[in-house]
Amino acid sequence: MVAQFRALQPFGLIRPGQTVGSLDLLDASKLLSANEVEGVLVAAPGYLVAPSTEAVAWTTRFEKRFGWIPTYTAAYAYDMGTTLLLAAAEVNASSASNWQAEFLSALRRSSFEGITGRIAFNEDQSLKTALVLSTFRDGVARPM
């Protein structure tokens, strides 16, 4: 994505308010200058553009422990790990005759406030995600 932005920029093909970036731009923007992404639109996870107190605290703990600022994918991975642990806690594998089905059922019922926001699943078993249409201003994705 960085190479694409830098290749298209000189031709005026990256225009404020007229260019839409993918989620990958959230990571790539750290390698691009603020001018290179200024005005670009992106649908960003809500917790990134308006983080909760817990999300800020988690990011601080993560950075202190691992020495780098976590990507949005690291935050989702953390929430998915938490989802698995909570579902496993609901199922007693040693006494359940069909513990796999009970585990899947517990996963589907998941509903808790994670780092990335409310963790719950749709009827089709996809993760409900809260994306916020945002614009890069001064190198940072900000809600519109």
N, C-alpha and C. Protein backbone atom coordinates (compact mmCIF):
# COMPACT_ATOMS: atom_id res chain seq x y z
N MET A 1 0.82 -1.19 0.00
CA MET A 1 0.00 0.00 0.00
C MET A 1 0.86 1.25 0.00
N VAL A 2 1.97 1.23 0.73
CA VAL A 2 2.86 2.39 0.77
C VAL A 2 3.38 2.71 -0.63
N ALA A 3 3.83 1.67 -1.34
CA ALA A 3 4.35 1.87 -2.70
C ALA A 3 3.25 2.40 -3.63
N GLN A 4 2.03 1.90 -3.48
CA GLN A 4 0.93 2.37 -4.32
C GLN A 4 0.66 3.85 -4.08
N PHE A 5 0.60 4.25 -2.82
CA PHE A 5 0.35 5.66 -2.52
C PHE A 5 1.46 6.53 -3.09
N ARG A 6 2.70 6.10 -2.91
CA ARG A 6 3.83 6.91 -3.38
C ARG A 6 3.92 6.93 -4.90
N ALA A 7 3.48 5.88 -5.56
CA ALA A 7 3.50 5.85 -7.02
C ALA A 7 2.38 6.71 -7.61
N LEU A 8 1.23 6.74 -6.96
CA LEU A 8 0.07 7.47 -7.49
C LEU A 8 0.07 8.95 -7.12
N GLN A 9 0.70 9.31 -6.02
CA GLN A 9 0.70 10.68 -5.51
C GLN A 9 1.20 11.70 -6.54
N PRO A 10 2.34 11.48 -7.20
CA PRO A 10 2.86 12.49 -8.14
C PRO A 10 1.92 12.78 -9.31
N PHE A 11 1.02 11.84 -9.59
CA PHE A 11 0.10 12.01 -10.71
C PHE A 11 -1.23 12.64 -10.26
N GLY A 12 -1.31 13.01 -8.98
CA GLY A 12 -2.53 13.63 -8.46
C GLY A 12 -3.68 12.65 -8.32
N LEU A 13 -3.36 11.37 -8.21
CA LEU A 13 -4.41 10.36 -8.13
C LEU A 13 -4.82 10.03 -6.69
N ILE A 14 -4.13 10.57 -5.72
CA ILE A 14 -4.53 10.46 -4.31
C ILE A 14 -5.04 11.83 -3.92
N ARG A 15 -6.35 11.96 -3.81
CA ARG A 15 -6.95 13.27 -3.58
C ARG A 15 -7.75 13.29 -2.29
N PRO A 16 -7.55 14.33 -1.48
CA PRO A 16 -8.34 14.46 -0.24
C PRO A 16 -9.83 14.39 -0.53
N GLY A 17 -10.52 13.54 0.22
CA GLY A 17 -11.97 13.41 0.09
C GLY A 17 -12.42 12.57 -1.08
N GLN A 18 -11.48 12.16 -1.96
CA GLN A 18 -11.86 11.37 -3.13
C GLN A 18 -11.16 10.02 -3.19
N THR A 19 -10.27 9.76 -2.25
CA THR A 19 -9.55 8.50 -2.21
C THR A 19 -9.99 7.72 -0.98
N VAL A 20 -10.30 6.46 -1.17
CA VAL A 20 -10.72 5.61 -0.06
C VAL A 20 -9.66 4.53 0.12
N GLY A 21 -9.16 4.40 1.34
CA GLY A 21 -8.17 3.38 1.64
C GLY A 21 -8.81 2.19 2.32
N SER A 22 -8.13 1.06 2.26
CA SER A 22 -8.60 -0.14 2.94
C SER A 22 -8.08 -0.14 4.38
N LEU A 23 -8.47 -1.16 5.14
CA LEU A 23 -7.98 -1.27 6.51
C LEU A 23 -6.46 -1.31 6.57
N ASP A 24 -5.82 -1.84 5.53
CA ASP A 24 -4.36 -1.89 5.50
C ASP A 24 -3.73 -0.51 5.60
N LEU A 25 -4.46 0.50 5.18
CA LEU A 25 -3.92 1.86 5.26
C LEU A 25 -3.68 2.28 6.70
N LEU A 26 -4.42 1.70 7.64
CA LEU A 26 -4.21 2.05 9.05
C LEU A 26 -2.79 1.71 9.47
N ASP A 27 -2.26 0.58 9.01
CA ASP A 27 -0.88 0.21 9.31
C ASP A 27 0.09 0.97 8.40
N ALA A 28 -0.24 1.05 7.11
CA ALA A 28 0.64 1.72 6.15
C ALA A 28 0.82 3.20 6.47
N SER A 29 -0.19 3.83 7.07
CA SER A 29 -0.12 5.27 7.36
C SER A 29 1.04 5.60 8.30
N LYS A 30 1.49 4.63 9.06
CA LYS A 30 2.62 4.87 9.96
C LYS A 30 3.93 5.02 9.18
N LEU A 31 3.94 4.55 7.93
CA LEU A 31 5.13 4.65 7.09
C LEU A 31 5.03 5.80 6.09
N LEU A 32 3.85 6.36 5.96
CA LEU A 32 3.62 7.48 5.05
C LEU A 32 3.61 8.79 5.84
N SER A 33 3.92 9.86 5.18
CA SER A 33 3.86 11.16 5.87
C SER A 33 2.40 11.59 6.01
N ALA A 34 2.18 12.53 6.90
CA ALA A 34 0.82 13.06 7.10
C ALA A 34 0.30 13.65 5.79
N ASN A 35 1.15 14.30 5.02
CA ASN A 35 0.73 14.87 3.74
C ASN A 35 0.30 13.81 2.74
N GLU A 36 0.94 12.65 2.77
CA GLU A 36 0.62 11.59 1.82
C GLU A 36 -0.75 10.98 2.05
N VAL A 37 -1.26 11.03 3.27
CA VAL A 37 -2.57 10.44 3.57
C VAL A 37 -3.63 11.49 3.89
N GLU A 38 -3.26 12.75 3.89
CA GLU A 38 -4.21 13.82 4.26
C GLU A 38 -5.49 13.74 3.44
N GLY A 39 -6.63 13.67 4.13
CA GLY A 39 -7.93 13.67 3.49
C GLY A 39 -8.41 12.33 2.96
N VAL A 40 -7.59 11.31 3.05
CA VAL A 40 -7.99 9.99 2.56
C VAL A 40 -9.03 9.39 3.52
N LEU A 41 -10.06 8.79 2.95
CA LEU A 41 -11.13 8.18 3.73
C LEU A 41 -10.79 6.73 4.03
N VAL A 42 -11.20 6.27 5.19
CA VAL A 42 -11.00 4.87 5.56
C VAL A 42 -12.10 4.48 6.54
N ALA A 43 -12.57 3.25 6.43
CA ALA A 43 -13.50 2.71 7.43
C ALA A 43 -12.63 2.05 8.49
N ALA A 44 -12.54 2.67 9.65
CA ALA A 44 -11.63 2.21 10.70
C ALA A 44 -12.41 1.59 11.85
N PRO A 45 -11.81 0.60 12.51
CA PRO A 45 -12.44 0.06 13.72
C PRO A 45 -12.69 1.20 14.71
N GLY A 46 -13.89 1.24 15.27
CA GLY A 46 -14.27 2.33 16.16
C GLY A 46 -13.32 2.53 17.32
N TYR A 47 -12.75 1.45 17.84
CA TYR A 47 -11.89 1.60 19.01
C TYR A 47 -10.61 2.37 18.67
N LEU A 48 -10.22 2.42 17.40
CA LEU A 48 -9.02 3.16 17.02
C LEU A 48 -9.25 4.66 16.94
N VAL A 49 -10.42 5.04 16.48
CA VAL A 49 -10.69 6.47 16.30
C VAL A 49 -11.35 7.10 17.52
N ALA A 50 -11.91 6.29 18.39
CA ALA A 50 -12.50 6.77 19.63
C ALA A 50 -12.30 5.70 20.70
N PRO A 51 -11.05 5.50 21.14
CA PRO A 51 -10.75 4.39 22.05
C PRO A 51 -11.36 4.57 23.44
N SER A 52 -11.79 3.45 24.01
CA SER A 52 -12.29 3.45 25.38
C SER A 52 -11.09 3.56 26.32
N THR A 53 -11.37 3.81 27.58
CA THR A 53 -10.32 3.86 28.59
C THR A 53 -9.58 2.53 28.65
N GLU A 54 -10.31 1.42 28.57
CA GLU A 54 -9.70 0.09 28.62
C GLU A 54 -8.83 -0.16 27.39
N ALA A 55 -9.26 0.31 26.21
CA ALA A 55 -8.45 0.12 25.00
C ALA A 55 -7.12 0.88 25.12
N VAL A 56 -7.17 2.08 25.66
CA VAL A 56 -5.94 2.86 25.86
C VAL A 56 -5.03 2.15 26.86
N ALA A 57 -5.61 1.65 27.95
CA ALA A 57 -4.82 0.94 28.97
C ALA A 57 -4.21 -0.33 28.40
N TRP A 58 -4.98 -1.08 27.60
CA TRP A 58 -4.47 -2.30 26.98
C TRP A 58 -3.32 -1.99 26.04
N THR A 59 -3.46 -0.94 25.23
CA THR A 59 -2.40 -0.54 24.31
C THR A 59 -1.13 -0.18 25.07
N THR A 60 -1.27 0.53 26.18
CA THR A 60 -0.12 0.91 27.00
C THR A 60 0.56 -0.33 27.57
N ARG A 61 -0.23 -1.27 28.10
CA ARG A 61 0.34 -2.51 28.65
C ARG A 61 1.05 -3.31 27.56
N PHE A 62 0.43 -3.40 26.41
CA PHE A 62 1.00 -4.15 25.29
C PHE A 62 2.34 -3.55 24.88
N GLU A 63 2.36 -2.23 24.70
CA GLU A 63 3.59 -1.56 24.28
C GLU A 63 4.70 -1.73 25.31
N LYS A 64 4.35 -1.65 26.58
CA LYS A 64 5.34 -1.81 27.65
C LYS A 64 5.91 -3.24 27.64
N ARG A 65 5.04 -4.21 27.43
CA ARG A 65 5.48 -5.61 27.48
C ARG A 65 6.26 -6.04 26.24
N PHE A 66 5.80 -5.61 25.05
CA PHE A 66 6.38 -6.11 23.81
C PHE A 66 7.28 -5.10 23.09
N GLY A 67 7.23 -3.84 23.50
CA GLY A 67 8.10 -2.83 22.91
C GLY A 67 7.63 -2.25 21.59
N TRP A 68 6.39 -2.49 21.23
CA TRP A 68 5.84 -1.88 20.01
C TRP A 68 4.35 -1.63 20.19
N ILE A 69 3.84 -0.66 19.45
CA ILE A 69 2.42 -0.32 19.53
C ILE A 69 1.64 -1.38 18.75
N PRO A 70 0.62 -1.98 19.35
CA PRO A 70 -0.10 -3.05 18.66
C PRO A 70 -0.89 -2.54 17.46
N THR A 71 -0.97 -3.38 16.44
CA THR A 71 -1.81 -3.09 15.29
C THR A 71 -3.26 -3.42 15.64
N TYR A 72 -4.18 -3.00 14.80
CA TYR A 72 -5.58 -3.34 15.04
C TYR A 72 -5.78 -4.85 14.98
N THR A 73 -4.98 -5.54 14.17
CA THR A 73 -5.13 -7.00 14.10
C THR A 73 -4.70 -7.66 15.41
N ALA A 74 -3.72 -7.09 16.09
CA ALA A 74 -3.31 -7.63 17.39
C ALA A 74 -4.45 -7.46 18.40
N ALA A 75 -5.14 -6.33 18.35
CA ALA A 75 -6.26 -6.10 19.26
C ALA A 75 -7.40 -7.08 18.99
N TYR A 76 -7.70 -7.33 17.71
CA TYR A 76 -8.74 -8.30 17.38
C TYR A 76 -8.32 -9.71 17.80
N ALA A 77 -7.04 -10.04 17.61
CA ALA A 77 -6.55 -11.35 18.03
C ALA A 77 -6.69 -11.51 19.54
N TYR A 78 -6.40 -10.48 20.29
CA TYR A 78 -6.56 -10.51 21.75
C TYR A 78 -8.02 -10.77 22.11
N ASP A 79 -8.92 -10.04 21.45
CA ASP A 79 -10.35 -10.24 21.73
C ASP A 79 -10.82 -11.63 21.34
N MET A 80 -10.29 -12.18 20.25
CA MET A 80 -10.70 -13.53 19.84
C MET A 80 -10.16 -14.56 20.83
N GLY A 81 -8.94 -14.34 21.34
CA GLY A 81 -8.41 -15.23 22.38
C GLY A 81 -9.28 -15.20 23.62
N THR A 82 -9.72 -13.99 23.99
CA THR A 82 -10.61 -13.84 25.14
C THR A 82 -11.93 -14.56 24.88
N THR A 83 -12.43 -14.46 23.66
CA THR A 83 -13.68 -15.13 23.29
C THR A 83 -13.56 -16.64 23.48
N LEU A 84 -12.45 -17.19 23.02
CA LEU A 84 -12.22 -18.64 23.17
C LEU A 84 -12.13 -19.04 24.64
N LEU A 85 -11.42 -18.26 25.44
CA LEU A 85 -11.29 -18.57 26.87
C LEU A 85 -12.64 -18.51 27.59
N LEU A 86 -13.43 -17.48 27.29
CA LEU A 86 -14.74 -17.35 27.95
C LEU A 86 -15.67 -18.50 27.55
N ALA A 87 -15.64 -18.88 26.28
CA ALA A 87 -16.48 -20.00 25.82
C ALA A 87 -16.02 -21.29 26.47
N ALA A 88 -14.72 -21.50 26.56
CA ALA A 88 -14.19 -22.72 27.18
C ALA A 88 -14.58 -22.79 28.65
N ALA A 89 -14.64 -21.65 29.32
CA ALA A 89 -15.00 -21.63 30.74
C ALA A 89 -16.45 -22.05 30.96
N GLU A 90 -17.28 -21.92 29.92
CA GLU A 90 -18.69 -22.30 30.04
C GLU A 90 -18.91 -23.80 29.86
N VAL A 91 -17.92 -24.49 29.32
CA VAL A 91 -18.08 -25.90 28.98
C VAL A 91 -17.17 -26.75 29.85
N ASN A 92 -17.75 -27.79 30.44
CA ASN A 92 -16.96 -28.75 31.20
C ASN A 92 -16.70 -29.95 30.30
N ALA A 93 -15.53 -29.94 29.64
CA ALA A 93 -15.21 -30.97 28.65
C ALA A 93 -15.14 -32.37 29.26
N SER A 94 -14.84 -32.48 30.54
CA SER A 94 -14.71 -33.81 31.14
C SER A 94 -16.06 -34.47 31.41
N SER A 95 -17.12 -33.67 31.56
CA SER A 95 -18.42 -34.27 31.85
C SER A 95 -19.43 -34.14 30.71
N ALA A 96 -19.15 -33.29 29.76
CA ALA A 96 -20.09 -33.10 28.65
C ALA A 96 -19.90 -34.20 27.61
N SER A 97 -21.00 -34.81 27.22
CA SER A 97 -20.90 -35.89 26.23
C SER A 97 -20.62 -35.32 24.84
N ASN A 98 -21.07 -34.12 24.59
CA ASN A 98 -20.88 -33.49 23.28
C ASN A 98 -20.26 -32.11 23.49
N TRP A 99 -19.07 -32.09 24.10
CA TRP A 99 -18.46 -30.82 24.48
C TRP A 99 -18.12 -29.94 23.30
N GLN A 100 -17.84 -30.53 22.13
CA GLN A 100 -17.54 -29.71 20.96
C GLN A 100 -18.75 -28.86 20.56
N ALA A 101 -19.92 -29.47 20.53
CA ALA A 101 -21.13 -28.75 20.18
C ALA A 101 -21.44 -27.69 21.23
N GLU A 102 -21.23 -28.01 22.50
CA GLU A 102 -21.45 -27.03 23.56
C GLU A 102 -20.48 -25.87 23.45
N PHE A 103 -19.24 -26.16 23.10
CA PHE A 103 -18.24 -25.11 22.92
C PHE A 103 -18.63 -24.18 21.78
N LEU A 104 -19.03 -24.74 20.64
CA LEU A 104 -19.46 -23.92 19.50
C LEU A 104 -20.68 -23.08 19.86
N SER A 105 -21.59 -23.65 20.61
CA SER A 105 -22.77 -22.92 21.05
C SER A 105 -22.37 -21.75 21.96
N ALA A 106 -21.43 -22.01 22.86
CA ALA A 106 -20.94 -20.95 23.76
C ALA A 106 -20.25 -19.85 22.96
N LEU A 107 -19.50 -20.21 21.94
CA LEU A 107 -18.86 -19.20 21.08
C LEU A 107 -19.91 -18.33 20.41
N ARG A 108 -20.94 -18.95 19.86
CA ARG A 108 -21.99 -18.21 19.15
C ARG A 108 -22.75 -17.26 20.07
N ARG A 109 -22.83 -17.60 21.37
CA ARG A 109 -23.53 -16.75 22.34
C ARG A 109 -22.65 -15.64 22.89
N SER A 110 -21.39 -15.62 22.51
CA SER A 110 -20.45 -14.64 23.06
C SER A 110 -21.01 -13.23 22.96
N SER A 111 -20.87 -12.51 24.03
CA SER A 111 -21.28 -11.11 24.06
C SER A 111 -20.61 -10.45 25.26
N PHE A 112 -19.57 -9.70 24.97
CA PHE A 112 -18.85 -9.01 26.03
C PHE A 112 -18.16 -7.78 25.44
N GLU A 113 -17.74 -6.89 26.29
CA GLU A 113 -17.03 -5.69 25.86
C GLU A 113 -15.54 -5.99 25.80
N GLY A 114 -15.01 -6.04 24.59
CA GLY A 114 -13.59 -6.32 24.39
C GLY A 114 -12.81 -5.05 24.16
N ILE A 115 -11.56 -5.21 23.82
CA ILE A 115 -10.71 -4.07 23.51
C ILE A 115 -11.22 -3.34 22.28
N THR A 116 -11.66 -4.10 21.28
CA THR A 116 -12.12 -3.52 20.02
C THR A 116 -13.59 -3.12 20.03
N GLY A 117 -14.25 -3.29 21.16
CA GLY A 117 -15.68 -2.97 21.27
C GLY A 117 -16.48 -4.19 21.66
N ARG A 118 -17.77 -4.15 21.41
CA ARG A 118 -18.65 -5.27 21.75
C ARG A 118 -18.32 -6.46 20.87
N ILE A 119 -18.05 -7.60 21.50
CA ILE A 119 -17.76 -8.84 20.77
C ILE A 119 -19.02 -9.68 20.79
N ALA A 120 -19.57 -9.89 19.62
CA ALA A 120 -20.77 -10.70 19.44
C ALA A 120 -20.79 -11.14 17.97
N PHE A 121 -21.61 -12.14 17.69
CA PHE A 121 -21.65 -12.69 16.35
C PHE A 121 -23.03 -12.52 15.73
N ASN A 122 -23.06 -12.34 14.41
CA ASN A 122 -24.30 -12.25 13.65
C ASN A 122 -24.90 -13.64 13.47
N GLU A 123 -26.12 -13.68 12.94
CA GLU A 123 -26.80 -14.95 12.67
C GLU A 123 -25.96 -15.87 11.78
N ASP A 124 -25.21 -15.27 10.83
CA ASP A 124 -24.40 -16.08 9.92
C ASP A 124 -23.04 -16.44 10.52
N GLN A 125 -22.87 -16.16 11.81
CA GLN A 125 -21.69 -16.49 12.60
C GLN A 125 -20.49 -15.59 12.30
N SER A 126 -20.70 -14.49 11.56
CA SER A 126 -19.62 -13.53 11.34
C SER A 126 -19.57 -12.56 12.53
N LEU A 127 -18.40 -12.02 12.76
CA LEU A 127 -18.21 -11.09 13.86
C LEU A 127 -18.89 -9.76 13.56
N LYS A 128 -19.66 -9.26 14.50
CA LYS A 128 -20.23 -7.92 14.37
C LYS A 128 -19.09 -6.94 14.61
N THR A 129 -18.87 -6.04 13.68
CA THR A 129 -17.81 -5.06 13.85
C THR A 129 -18.36 -3.66 13.69
N ALA A 130 -17.81 -2.77 14.47
CA ALA A 130 -18.22 -1.38 14.40
C ALA A 130 -17.13 -0.60 13.66
N LEU A 131 -17.38 -0.34 12.39
CA LEU A 131 -16.44 0.46 11.61
C LEU A 131 -16.96 1.89 11.54
N VAL A 132 -16.05 2.84 11.61
CA VAL A 132 -16.41 4.25 11.62
C VAL A 132 -15.76 4.92 10.42
N LEU A 133 -16.55 5.56 9.58
CA LEU A 133 -16.00 6.28 8.44
C LEU A 133 -15.15 7.41 8.98
N SER A 134 -13.89 7.42 8.58
CA SER A 134 -12.92 8.36 9.13
C SER A 134 -12.13 9.01 8.00
N THR A 135 -11.51 10.13 8.32
CA THR A 135 -10.65 10.85 7.40
C THR A 135 -9.31 11.07 8.06
N PHE A 136 -8.24 10.87 7.30
CA PHE A 136 -6.92 11.18 7.83
C PHE A 136 -6.73 12.68 7.88
N ARG A 137 -6.40 13.16 9.08
CA ARG A 137 -6.06 14.56 9.30
C ARG A 137 -4.81 14.59 10.15
N ASP A 138 -3.81 15.28 9.67
CA ASP A 138 -2.52 15.37 10.38
C ASP A 138 -1.95 13.98 10.64
N GLY A 139 -2.15 13.05 9.70
CA GLY A 139 -1.59 11.72 9.79
C GLY A 139 -2.34 10.73 10.64
N VAL A 140 -3.50 11.14 11.18
CA VAL A 140 -4.28 10.29 12.08
C VAL A 140 -5.70 10.14 11.53
N ALA A 141 -6.24 8.91 11.55
CA ALA A 141 -7.62 8.68 11.14
C ALA A 141 -8.54 9.22 12.23
N ARG A 142 -9.41 10.14 11.85
CA ARG A 142 -10.34 10.77 12.79
C ARG A 142 -11.77 10.61 12.28
N PRO A 143 -12.72 10.37 13.20
CA PRO A 143 -14.12 10.20 12.75
C PRO A 143 -14.60 11.42 11.96
N MET A 144 -15.42 11.15 10.96
CA MET A 144 -15.97 12.26 10.14
C MET A 144 -17.07 12.97 10.89
